[in-house]
Protein backbone atom coordinates (compact mmCIF):
# COMPACT_ATOMS: atom_id res chain seq x y z
CA MET A 1 -6.08 -2.28 -3.82
CA PHE A 2 -5.51 1.44 -4.08
CA TRP A 3 -1.63 1.31 -4.89
CA ASP A 4 -1.46 -2.24 -6.32
CA ASP A 5 -4.47 -2.51 -8.78
CA LYS A 6 -4.27 -0.94 -12.11
CA TRP A 7 -7.44 1.01 -11.70
CA ILE A 8 -6.22 4.22 -13.21
CA GLU A 9 -4.91 3.97 -16.84
CA SER A 10 -2.63 0.56 -17.10
CA VAL A 11 -0.04 1.38 -14.55
CA ALA A 12 -0.56 0.70 -10.53
CA LEU A 13 -0.24 3.80 -8.55
CA LYS A 14 2.71 2.40 -6.63
CA VAL A 15 4.61 2.02 -9.99
CA ARG A 16 3.72 5.61 -11.25
CA PHE A 17 4.24 7.13 -7.74
CA PRO A 18 7.01 5.10 -5.96
CA ARG A 19 8.05 7.80 -3.53
CA LEU A 20 4.69 8.44 -2.31
CA PHE A 21 4.00 4.60 -2.01
CA LEU A 22 7.00 4.19 -0.03
CA ILE A 23 6.04 6.77 2.64
CA SER A 24 2.37 5.91 2.57
CA SER A 25 1.13 4.53 5.88
CA SER A 26 -1.70 2.68 4.01
CA LYS A 27 0.46 0.51 1.45
CA HIS A 28 -1.96 -2.38 1.42
CA ALA A 29 -5.34 -0.44 1.52
CA TYR A 30 -8.37 -1.18 -0.37
CA LEU A 31 -9.94 1.78 -2.39
CA TYR A 32 -12.79 2.02 0.20
CA GLN A 33 -10.20 2.55 3.14
CA ILE A 34 -8.70 5.53 1.27
CA GLU A 35 -12.16 7.36 0.87
CA LYS A 36 -13.52 9.85 3.30
CA TRP A 37 -17.16 10.71 3.44
CA ASP A 38 -18.23 13.77 5.38
CA ASP A 39 -22.18 13.62 5.08
CA GLN A 40 -22.38 13.37 1.32
CA GLU A 41 -19.11 15.27 0.66
CA TRP A 42 -16.44 12.84 -0.92
CA SER A 43 -12.66 13.18 -0.49
CA TRP A 44 -9.43 11.02 -0.52
CA LYS A 45 -7.87 10.08 2.72
CA LEU A 46 -4.25 9.75 2.05
CA GLU A 47 -1.97 9.26 5.01
CA TRP A 48 1.66 9.44 5.45
CA MET A 49 4.23 8.09 7.65
CA ARG A 50 5.81 11.49 7.91
CA ASN A 51 5.37 15.13 6.53
CA LEU A 52 5.94 15.40 2.89
CA PHE A 53 9.07 17.30 1.57
CA GLU A 54 8.43 20.11 -0.87
CA TRP A 55 9.11 18.05 -3.85
CA GLU A 56 6.90 15.26 -2.60
CA THR A 57 3.98 17.61 -2.43
CA ARG A 58 4.51 18.25 -6.07
CA GLU A 59 4.27 14.57 -6.75
CA LEU A 60 1.22 14.43 -4.45
CA TYR A 61 -0.46 17.18 -6.73
CA GLN A 62 0.33 14.96 -9.54
CA LEU A 63 -1.39 12.12 -7.91
CA MET A 64 -4.34 14.06 -6.93
CA GLN A 65 -4.70 15.10 -10.70
CA GLN A 66 -4.91 11.41 -11.51
CA LEU A 67 -7.52 10.84 -8.88
CA ASP A 68 -9.41 13.96 -9.97
CA GLY A 69 -12.91 12.88 -10.89
CA LYS A 70 -12.37 9.15 -9.69
CA ASN A 71 -15.13 9.19 -6.91
CA LEU A 72 -16.58 6.11 -5.44
CA ILE A 73 -19.96 5.26 -5.31
CA LYS A 74 -21.13 5.03 -1.49
CA GLU A 75 -22.50 1.44 -0.53
CA SER A 76 -21.84 0.10 -4.14
CA GLU A 77 -20.10 -3.13 -4.88
CA ASP A 78 -16.28 -3.00 -5.79
CA LYS A 79 -15.77 -3.50 -9.37
């Protein structure tokens, strides 16, 4: 689970970024549901229930730094 599992460091993302979790439109999504593949290009597909406030965009930037380099392998088993 993207927000619930401790897959980055030892803290779940919903604990590290509680405000982003609160406004996420995909609170119970698995990792593969947050990924976006365009041809062979990888990106994260985070969706929100509303537009972010300026201070939330700074928190999103911090989240994206945590996600940097954490790419999923297409058509690979989740482990």
